[in-house]
PDB file of N, CA and C in Angstrom:
ATOM      1  N   MET A   1     -18.858  25.776 -32.954  1.00  0.00           N
ATOM      2  CA  MET A   1     -19.950  24.889 -32.608  1.00  0.00           C
ATOM      3  C   MET A   1     -19.486  23.531 -32.092  1.00  0.00           C
ATOM      4  N   PRO A   2     -18.558  22.860 -32.793  1.00  0.00           N
ATOM      5  CA  PRO A   2     -18.127  21.544 -32.286  1.00  0.00           C
ATOM      6  C   PRO A   2     -17.468  21.637 -30.921  1.00  0.00           C
ATOM      7  N   GLU A   3     -16.803  22.760 -30.655  1.00  0.00           N
ATOM      8  CA  GLU A   3     -16.146  22.922 -29.358  1.00  0.00           C
ATOM      9  C   GLU A   3     -17.166  22.984 -28.235  1.00  0.00           C
ATOM     10  N   LYS A   4     -18.285  23.642 -28.463  1.00  0.00           N
ATOM     11  CA  LYS A   4     -19.323  23.744 -27.430  1.00  0.00           C
ATOM     12  C   LYS A   4     -19.917  22.374 -27.128  1.00  0.00           C
ATOM     13  N   LYS A   5     -20.129  21.575 -28.168  1.00  0.00           N
ATOM     14  CA  LYS A   5     -20.680  20.243 -27.957  1.00  0.00           C
ATOM     15  C   LYS A   5     -19.715  19.374 -27.164  1.00  0.00           C
ATOM     16  N   GLU A   6     -18.427  19.494 -27.465  1.00  0.00           N
ATOM     17  CA  GLU A   6     -17.422  18.722 -26.730  1.00  0.00           C
ATOM     18  C   GLU A   6     -17.387  19.143 -25.268  1.00  0.00           C
ATOM     19  N   LYS A   7     -17.464  20.434 -25.022  1.00  0.00           N
ATOM     20  CA  LYS A   7     -17.461  20.923 -23.646  1.00  0.00           C
ATOM     21  C   LYS A   7     -18.694  20.446 -22.893  1.00  0.00           C
ATOM     22  N   GLU A   8     -19.847  20.453 -23.576  1.00  0.00           N
ATOM     23  CA  GLU A   8     -21.071  19.990 -22.935  1.00  0.00           C
ATOM     24  C   GLU A   8     -20.990  18.495 -22.617  1.00  0.00           C
ATOM     25  N   LYS A   9     -20.422  17.728 -23.542  1.00  0.00           N
ATOM     26  CA  LYS A   9     -20.271  16.292 -23.300  1.00  0.00           C
ATOM     27  C   LYS A   9     -19.339  16.040 -22.124  1.00  0.00           C
ATOM     28  N   GLU A  10     -18.275  16.824 -22.046  1.00  0.00           N
ATOM     29  CA  GLU A  10     -17.333  16.672 -20.940  1.00  0.00           C
ATOM     30  C   GLU A  10     -17.995  17.015 -19.607  1.00  0.00           C
ATOM     31  N   LYS A  11     -18.801  18.058 -19.598  1.00  0.00           N
ATOM     32  CA  LYS A  11     -19.516  18.428 -18.372  1.00  0.00           C
ATOM     33  C   LYS A  11     -20.486  17.326 -17.961  1.00  0.00           C
ATOM     34  N   ASP A  12     -21.171  16.730 -18.947  1.00  0.00           N
ATOM     35  CA  ASP A  12     -22.095  15.636 -18.643  1.00  0.00           C
ATOM     36  C   ASP A  12     -21.361  14.442 -18.045  1.00  0.00           C
ATOM     37  N   ARG A  13     -20.184  14.125 -18.587  1.00  0.00           N
ATOM     38  CA  ARG A  13     -19.391  13.021 -18.043  1.00  0.00           C
ATOM     39  C   ARG A  13     -18.989  13.294 -16.599  1.00  0.00           C
ATOM     40  N   GLU A  14     -18.582  14.528 -16.318  1.00  0.00           N
ATOM     41  CA  GLU A  14     -18.187  14.882 -14.953  1.00  0.00           C
ATOM     42  C   GLU A  14     -19.369  14.776 -14.001  1.00  0.00           C
ATOM     43  N   LYS A  15     -20.554  15.195 -14.449  1.00  0.00           N
ATOM     44  CA  LYS A  15     -21.743  15.088 -13.608  1.00  0.00           C
ATOM     45  C   LYS A  15     -22.075  13.628 -13.310  1.00  0.00           C
ATOM     46  N   LYS A  16     -21.935  12.763 -14.313  1.00  0.00           N
ATOM     47  CA  LYS A  16     -22.216  11.346 -14.104  1.00  0.00           C
ATOM     48  C   LYS A  16     -21.233  10.737 -13.114  1.00  0.00           C
ATOM     49  N   LYS A  17     -19.969  11.145 -13.215  1.00  0.00           N
ATOM     50  CA  LYS A  17     -18.971  10.639 -12.275  1.00  0.00           C
ATOM     51  C   LYS A  17     -19.304  11.062 -10.854  1.00  0.00           C
ATOM     52  N   LYS A  18     -19.769  12.289 -10.694  1.00  0.00           N
ATOM     53  CA  LYS A  18     -20.094  12.780  -9.357  1.00  0.00           C
ATOM     54  C   LYS A  18     -21.323  12.069  -8.796  1.00  0.00           C
ATOM     55  N   ARG A  19     -22.254  11.684  -9.642  1.00  0.00           N
ATOM     56  CA  ARG A  19     -23.463  11.014  -9.187  1.00  0.00           C
ATOM     57  C   ARG A  19     -23.204   9.589  -8.723  1.00  0.00           C
ATOM     58  N   GLN A  20     -22.225   8.927  -9.340  1.00  0.00           N
ATOM     59  CA  GLN A  20     -21.968   7.539  -9.002  1.00  0.00           C
ATOM     60  C   GLN A  20     -21.347   7.440  -7.611  1.00  0.00           C
ATOM     61  N   PRO A  21     -21.923   6.611  -6.750  1.00  0.00           N
ATOM     62  CA  PRO A  21     -21.326   6.455  -5.417  1.00  0.00           C
ATOM     63  C   PRO A  21     -20.010   5.705  -5.525  1.00  0.00           C
ATOM     64  N   PRO A  22     -19.064   6.043  -4.696  1.00  0.00           N
ATOM     65  CA  PRO A  22     -17.788   5.317  -4.748  1.00  0.00           C
ATOM     66  C   PRO A  22     -17.982   3.879  -4.295  1.00  0.00           C
ATOM     67  N   ASN A  23     -17.239   2.986  -4.890  1.00  0.00           N
ATOM     68  CA  ASN A  23     -17.332   1.579  -4.549  1.00  0.00           C
ATOM     69  C   ASN A  23     -16.470   1.332  -3.317  1.00  0.00           C
ATOM     70  N   SER A  24     -16.978   1.761  -2.189  1.00  0.00           N
ATOM     71  CA  SER A  24     -16.172   1.776  -0.971  1.00  0.00           C
ATOM     72  C   SER A  24     -15.812   0.377  -0.467  1.00  0.00           C
ATOM     73  N   ALA A  25     -16.645  -0.601  -0.705  1.00  0.00           N
ATOM     74  CA  ALA A  25     -16.337  -1.946  -0.227  1.00  0.00           C
ATOM     75  C   ALA A  25     -15.116  -2.514  -0.939  1.00  0.00           C
ATOM     76  N   LEU A  26     -15.045  -2.324  -2.238  1.00  0.00           N
ATOM     77  CA  LEU A  26     -13.891  -2.819  -2.979  1.00  0.00           C
ATOM     78  C   LEU A  26     -12.637  -2.016  -2.658  1.00  0.00           C
ATOM     79  N   GLN A  27     -12.794  -0.727  -2.448  1.00  0.00           N
ATOM     80  CA  GLN A  27     -11.647   0.090  -2.074  1.00  0.00           C
ATOM     81  C   GLN A  27     -11.114  -0.329  -0.711  1.00  0.00           C
ATOM     82  N   ALA A  28     -11.996  -0.580   0.214  1.00  0.00           N
ATOM     83  CA  ALA A  28     -11.568  -1.018   1.546  1.00  0.00           C
ATOM     84  C   ALA A  28     -10.874  -2.374   1.468  1.00  0.00           C
ATOM     85  N   LEU A  29     -11.390  -3.261   0.650  1.00  0.00           N
ATOM     86  CA  LEU A  29     -10.764  -4.571   0.476  1.00  0.00           C
ATOM     87  C   LEU A  29      -9.374  -4.427  -0.137  1.00  0.00           C
ATOM     88  N   ALA A  30      -9.245  -3.548  -1.116  1.00  0.00           N
ATOM     89  CA  ALA A  30      -7.942  -3.340  -1.759  1.00  0.00           C
ATOM     90  C   ALA A  30      -6.928  -2.773  -0.777  1.00  0.00           C
ATOM     91  N   VAL A  31      -7.340  -1.816   0.023  1.00  0.00           N
ATOM     92  CA  VAL A  31      -6.419  -1.217   0.997  1.00  0.00           C
ATOM     93  C   VAL A  31      -6.043  -2.231   2.070  1.00  0.00           C
ATOM     94  N   THR A  32      -6.994  -3.001   2.525  1.00  0.00           N
ATOM     95  CA  THR A  32      -6.719  -4.010   3.540  1.00  0.00           C
ATOM     96  C   THR A  32      -5.750  -5.063   3.019  1.00  0.00           C
ATOM     97  N   THR A  33      -5.954  -5.491   1.792  1.00  0.00           N
ATOM     98  CA  THR A  33      -5.051  -6.471   1.188  1.00  0.00           C
ATOM     99  C   THR A  33      -3.656  -5.898   1.027  1.00  0.00           C
ATOM    100  N   THR A  34      -3.573  -4.666   0.582  1.00  0.00           N
ATOM    101  CA  THR A  34      -2.277  -4.014   0.404  1.00  0.00           C
ATOM    102  C   THR A  34      -1.531  -3.918   1.727  1.00  0.00           C
ATOM    103  N   ILE A  35      -2.231  -3.543   2.777  1.00  0.00           N
ATOM    104  CA  ILE A  35      -1.605  -3.423   4.093  1.00  0.00           C
ATOM    105  C   ILE A  35      -1.075  -4.781   4.560  1.00  0.00           C
ATOM    106  N   GLY A  36      -1.880  -5.812   4.415  1.00  0.00           N
ATOM    107  CA  GLY A  36      -1.457  -7.138   4.839  1.00  0.00           C
ATOM    108  C   GLY A  36      -0.243  -7.642   4.073  1.00  0.00           C
ATOM    109  N   VAL A  37      -0.250  -7.430   2.773  1.00  0.00           N
ATOM    110  CA  VAL A  37       0.868  -7.892   1.954  1.00  0.00           C
ATOM    111  C   VAL A  37       2.133  -7.110   2.277  1.00  0.00           C
ATOM    112  N   GLU A  38       2.007  -5.795   2.444  1.00  0.00           N
ATOM    113  CA  GLU A  38       3.180  -4.976   2.785  1.00  0.00           C
ATOM    114  C   GLU A  38       3.815  -5.429   4.096  1.00  0.00           C
ATOM    115  N   MET A  39       2.991  -5.647   5.098  1.00  0.00           N
ATOM    116  CA  MET A  39       3.525  -6.070   6.391  1.00  0.00           C
ATOM    117  C   MET A  39       4.160  -7.448   6.298  1.00  0.00           C
ATOM    118  N   ALA A  40       3.474  -8.381   5.658  1.00  0.00           N
ATOM    119  CA  ALA A  40       3.981  -9.750   5.583  1.00  0.00           C
ATOM    120  C   ALA A  40       5.295  -9.817   4.804  1.00  0.00           C
ATOM    121  N   VAL A  41       5.352  -9.144   3.671  1.00  0.00           N
ATOM    122  CA  VAL A  41       6.558  -9.207   2.841  1.00  0.00           C
ATOM    123  C   VAL A  41       7.747  -8.560   3.554  1.00  0.00           C
ATOM    124  N   SER A  42       7.519  -7.411   4.167  1.00  0.00           N
ATOM    125  CA  SER A  42       8.643  -6.733   4.815  1.00  0.00           C
ATOM    126  C   SER A  42       9.167  -7.535   6.015  1.00  0.00           C
ATOM    127  N   VAL A  43       8.287  -8.091   6.815  1.00  0.00           N
ATOM    128  CA  VAL A  43       8.733  -8.877   7.970  1.00  0.00           C
ATOM    129  C   VAL A  43       9.409 -10.178   7.510  1.00  0.00           C
ATOM    130  N   LEU A  44       8.860 -10.823   6.501  1.00  0.00           N
ATOM    131  CA  LEU A  44       9.471 -12.060   6.010  1.00  0.00           C
ATOM    132  C   LEU A  44      10.841 -11.801   5.381  1.00  0.00           C
ATOM    133  N   LEU A  45      10.975 -10.713   4.649  1.00  0.00           N
ATOM    134  CA  LEU A  45      12.295 -10.385   4.100  1.00  0.00           C
ATOM    135  C   LEU A  45      13.301 -10.119   5.214  1.00  0.00           C
ATOM    136  N   GLY A  46      12.875  -9.416   6.255  1.00  0.00           N
ATOM    137  CA  GLY A  46      13.756  -9.188   7.400  1.00  0.00           C
ATOM    138  C   GLY A  46      14.120 -10.486   8.106  1.00  0.00           C
ATOM    139  N   TYR A  47      13.145 -11.372   8.242  1.00  0.00           N
ATOM    140  CA  TYR A  47      13.382 -12.656   8.897  1.00  0.00           C
ATOM    141  C   TYR A  47      14.402 -13.491   8.120  1.00  0.00           C
ATOM    142  N   TYR A  48      14.147 -13.677   6.844  1.00  0.00           N
ATOM    143  CA  TYR A  48      15.048 -14.521   6.053  1.00  0.00           C
ATOM    144  C   TYR A  48      16.414 -13.868   5.835  1.00  0.00           C
ATOM    145  N   GLY A  49      16.432 -12.540   5.710  1.00  0.00           N
ATOM    146  CA  GLY A  49      17.724 -11.853   5.609  1.00  0.00           C
ATOM    147  C   GLY A  49      18.535 -11.993   6.881  1.00  0.00           C
ATOM    148  N   GLY A  50      17.894 -11.830   8.021  1.00  0.00           N
ATOM    149  CA  GLY A  50      18.570 -11.994   9.303  1.00  0.00           C
ATOM    150  C   GLY A  50      19.005 -13.424   9.540  1.00  0.00           C
ATOM    151  N   ARG A  51      18.177 -14.359   9.149  1.00  0.00           N
ATOM    152  CA  ARG A  51      18.523 -15.769   9.298  1.00  0.00           C
ATOM    153  C   ARG A  51      19.747 -16.117   8.441  1.00  0.00           C
ATOM    154  N   TYR A  52      19.778 -15.572   7.233  1.00  0.00           N
ATOM    155  CA  TYR A  52      20.928 -15.809   6.355  1.00  0.00           C
ATOM    156  C   TYR A  52      22.203 -15.233   6.971  1.00  0.00           C
ATOM    157  N   LEU A  53      22.109 -14.003   7.462  1.00  0.00           N
ATOM    158  CA  LEU A  53      23.291 -13.376   8.064  1.00  0.00           C
ATOM    159  C   LEU A  53      23.738 -14.102   9.334  1.00  0.00           C
ATOM    160  N   ASP A  54      22.797 -14.596  10.127  1.00  0.00           N
ATOM    161  CA  ASP A  54      23.164 -15.381  11.313  1.00  0.00           C
ATOM    162  C   ASP A  54      23.905 -16.655  10.922  1.00  0.00           C
ATOM    163  N   GLY A  55      23.452 -17.300   9.879  1.00  0.00           N
ATOM    164  CA  GLY A  55      24.133 -18.506   9.425  1.00  0.00           C
ATOM    165  C   GLY A  55      25.499 -18.203   8.834  1.00  0.00           C
ATOM    166  N   ARG A  56      25.589 -17.079   8.180  1.00  0.00           N
ATOM    167  CA  ARG A  56      26.859 -16.691   7.534  1.00  0.00           C
ATOM    168  C   ARG A  56      27.923 -16.310   8.565  1.00  0.00           C
ATOM    169  N   PHE A  57      27.508 -15.572   9.588  1.00  0.00           N
ATOM    170  CA  PHE A  57      28.473 -15.075  10.574  1.00  0.00           C
ATOM    171  C   PHE A  57      28.411 -15.799  11.915  1.00  0.00           C
ATOM    172  N   ALA A  58      27.550 -16.775  12.049  1.00  0.00           N
ATOM    173  CA  ALA A  58      27.397 -17.566  13.280  1.00  0.00           C
ATOM    174  C   ALA A  58      27.211 -16.672  14.502  1.00  0.00           C
ATOM    175  N   THR A  59      26.198 -15.791  14.422  1.00  0.00           N
ATOM    176  CA  THR A  59      25.970 -14.832  15.505  1.00  0.00           C
ATOM    177  C   THR A  59      24.742 -15.176  16.345  1.00  0.00           C
ATOM    178  N   GLY A  60      24.132 -16.307  16.124  1.00  0.00           N
ATOM    179  CA  GLY A  60      22.948 -16.646  16.907  1.00  0.00           C
ATOM    180  C   GLY A  60      21.736 -15.902  16.368  1.00  0.00           C
ATOM    181  N   PRO A  61      20.798 -15.573  17.206  1.00  0.00           N
ATOM    182  CA  PRO A  61      19.566 -14.970  16.698  1.00  0.00           C
ATOM    183  C   PRO A  61      19.621 -13.445  16.527  1.00  0.00           C
ATOM    184  N   TRP A  62      20.780 -12.833  16.644  1.00  0.00           N
ATOM    185  CA  TRP A  62      20.828 -11.371  16.690  1.00  0.00           C
ATOM    186  C   TRP A  62      20.458 -10.711  15.371  1.00  0.00           C
ATOM    187  N   PHE A  63      20.982 -11.204  14.273  1.00  0.00           N
ATOM    188  CA  PHE A  63      20.614 -10.625  12.982  1.00  0.00           C
ATOM    189  C   PHE A  63      19.163 -10.931  12.629  1.00  0.00           C
ATOM    190  N   LEU A  64      18.700 -12.102  13.040  1.00  0.00           N
ATOM    191  CA  LEU A  64      17.308 -12.455  12.804  1.00  0.00           C
ATOM    192  C   LEU A  64      16.387 -11.480  13.530  1.00  0.00           C
ATOM    193  N   LEU A  65      16.677 -11.224  14.795  1.00  0.00           N
ATOM    194  CA  LEU A  65      15.850 -10.268  15.551  1.00  0.00           C
ATOM    195  C   LEU A  65      15.919  -8.867  14.951  1.00  0.00           C
ATOM    196  N   ALA A  66      17.120  -8.449  14.590  1.00  0.00           N
ATOM    197  CA  ALA A  66      17.274  -7.123  13.987  1.00  0.00           C
ATOM    198  C   ALA A  66      16.541  -7.053  12.652  1.00  0.00           C
ATOM    199  N   GLY A  67      16.620  -8.126  11.870  1.00  0.00           N
ATOM    200  CA  GLY A  67      15.936  -8.149  10.578  1.00  0.00           C
ATOM    201  C   GLY A  67      14.431  -8.069  10.719  1.00  0.00           C
ATOM    202  N   VAL A  68      13.891  -8.799  11.683  1.00  0.00           N
ATOM    203  CA  VAL A  68      12.444  -8.757  11.906  1.00  0.00           C
ATOM    204  C   VAL A  68      12.012  -7.360  12.369  1.00  0.00           C
ATOM    205  N   LEU A  69      12.778  -6.762  13.268  1.00  0.00           N
ATOM    206  CA  LEU A  69      12.427  -5.415  13.740  1.00  0.00           C
ATOM    207  C   LEU A  69      12.524  -4.374  12.628  1.00  0.00           C
ATOM    208  N   VAL A  70      13.568  -4.480  11.823  1.00  0.00           N
ATOM    209  CA  VAL A  70      13.699  -3.551  10.686  1.00  0.00           C
ATOM    210  C   VAL A  70      12.566  -3.784   9.690  1.00  0.00           C
ATOM    211  N   GLY A  71      12.244  -5.040   9.428  1.00  0.00           N
ATOM    212  CA  GLY A  71      11.135  -5.344   8.534  1.00  0.00           C
ATOM    213  C   GLY A  71       9.813  -4.813   9.054  1.00  0.00           C
ATOM    214  N   LEU A  72       9.621  -4.915  10.356  1.00  0.00           N
ATOM    215  CA  LEU A  72       8.410  -4.381  10.967  1.00  0.00           C
ATOM    216  C   LEU A  72       8.349  -2.863  10.823  1.00  0.00           C
ATOM    217  N   ALA A  73       9.469  -2.200  11.041  1.00  0.00           N
ATOM    218  CA  ALA A  73       9.508  -0.741  10.904  1.00  0.00           C
ATOM    219  C   ALA A  73       9.249  -0.323   9.454  1.00  0.00           C
ATOM    220  N   VAL A  74       9.863  -1.031   8.517  1.00  0.00           N
ATOM    221  CA  VAL A  74       9.648  -0.721   7.104  1.00  0.00           C
ATOM    222  C   VAL A  74       8.186  -0.961   6.729  1.00  0.00           C
ATOM    223  N   GLY A  75       7.595  -2.016   7.260  1.00  0.00           N
ATOM    224  CA  GLY A  75       6.186  -2.300   6.998  1.00  0.00           C
ATOM    225  C   GLY A  75       5.268  -1.215   7.533  1.00  0.00           C
ATOM    226  N   VAL A  76       5.557  -0.728   8.724  1.00  0.00           N
ATOM    227  CA  VAL A  76       4.728   0.337   9.312  1.00  0.00           C
ATOM    228  C   VAL A  76       4.822   1.607   8.471  1.00  0.00           C
ATOM    229  N   VAL A  77       6.017   1.942   8.019  1.00  0.00           N
ATOM    230  CA  VAL A  77       6.176   3.130   7.167  1.00  0.00           C
ATOM    231  C   VAL A  77       5.423   2.940   5.854  1.00  0.00           C
ATOM    232  N   GLY A  78       5.502   1.737   5.280  1.00  0.00           N
ATOM    233  CA  GLY A  78       4.768   1.457   4.047  1.00  0.00           C
ATOM    234  C   GLY A  78       3.267   1.549   4.228  1.00  0.00           C
ATOM    235  N   VAL A  79       2.769   1.045   5.337  1.00  0.00           N
ATOM    236  CA  VAL A  79       1.338   1.128   5.628  1.00  0.00           C
ATOM    237  C   VAL A  79       0.918   2.583   5.799  1.00  0.00           C
ATOM    238  N   TYR A  80       1.729   3.357   6.485  1.00  0.00           N
ATOM    239  CA  TYR A  80       1.429   4.780   6.673  1.00  0.00           C
ATOM    240  C   TYR A  80       1.326   5.485   5.318  1.00  0.00           C
ATOM    241  N   LYS A  81       2.284   5.240   4.448  1.00  0.00           N
ATOM    242  CA  LYS A  81       2.257   5.877   3.124  1.00  0.00           C
ATOM    243  C   LYS A  81       1.061   5.416   2.303  1.00  0.00           C
ATOM    244  N   THR A  82       0.725   4.147   2.407  1.00  0.00           N
ATOM    245  CA  THR A  82      -0.435   3.630   1.686  1.00  0.00           C
ATOM    246  C   THR A  82      -1.716   4.294   2.171  1.00  0.00           C
ATOM    247  N   LEU A  83      -1.862   4.392   3.477  1.00  0.00           N
ATOM    248  CA  LEU A  83      -3.071   5.014   4.023  1.00  0.00           C
ATOM    249  C   LEU A  83      -3.155   6.501   3.692  1.00  0.00           C
ATOM    250  N   MET A  84      -2.023   7.185   3.726  1.00  0.00           N
ATOM    251  CA  MET A  84      -2.043   8.612   3.380  1.00  0.00           C
ATOM    252  C   MET A  84      -2.436   8.805   1.915  1.00  0.00           C
ATOM    253  N   GLY A  85      -1.930   7.955   1.039  1.00  0.00           N
ATOM    254  CA  GLY A  85      -2.309   8.029  -0.364  1.00  0.00           C
ATOM    255  C   GLY A  85      -3.780   7.699  -0.573  1.00  0.00           C
ATOM    256  N   PHE A  86      -4.296   6.750   0.187  1.00  0.00           N
ATOM    257  CA  PHE A  86      -5.706   6.379   0.074  1.00  0.00           C
ATOM    258  C   PHE A  86      -6.606   7.519   0.522  1.00  0.00           C
ATOM    259  N   PHE A  87      -6.269   8.171   1.621  1.00  0.00           N
ATOM    260  CA  PHE A  87      -7.125   9.238   2.131  1.00  0.00           C
ATOM    261  C   PHE A  87      -6.995  10.522   1.328  1.00  0.00           C
ATOM    262  N   GLU A  88      -5.889  10.707   0.621  1.00  0.00           N
ATOM    263  CA  GLU A  88      -5.763  11.885  -0.242  1.00  0.00           C
ATOM    264  C   GLU A  88      -6.675  11.769  -1.453  1.00  0.00           C
ATOM    265  N   ARG A  89      -6.888  10.546  -1.936  1.00  0.00           N
ATOM    266  CA  ARG A  89      -7.742  10.352  -3.114  1.00  0.00           C
ATOM    267  C   ARG A  89      -9.196  10.586  -2.802  1.00  0.00           C
ATOM    268  N   GLU A  90      -9.611  10.409  -1.582  1.00  0.00           N
ATOM    269  CA  GLU A  90     -11.032  10.571  -1.244  1.00  0.00           C
ATOM    270  C   GLU A  90     -11.413  11.984  -1.016  1.00  0.00           C
TER     271      GLU A  90
END
């Protein structure tokens, strides 16, 4: 008897979850913020890393440019993974 009541309660909880509309505005805001932060952090790390290496080896802007491009590529891959994870949950 107690097992049946627990199963019924669990089914009721699942039905309530299905009835509730997803909070799409907050989810969209979270994904947008995540994308912006991922891109900014990766490009800034590439910039400052390249700038440091240019100063260390006196190579001009070459490491800086390479760092920014690598940071941009890493950011794009991170955004892709974030979006794929977001769309899998829906």
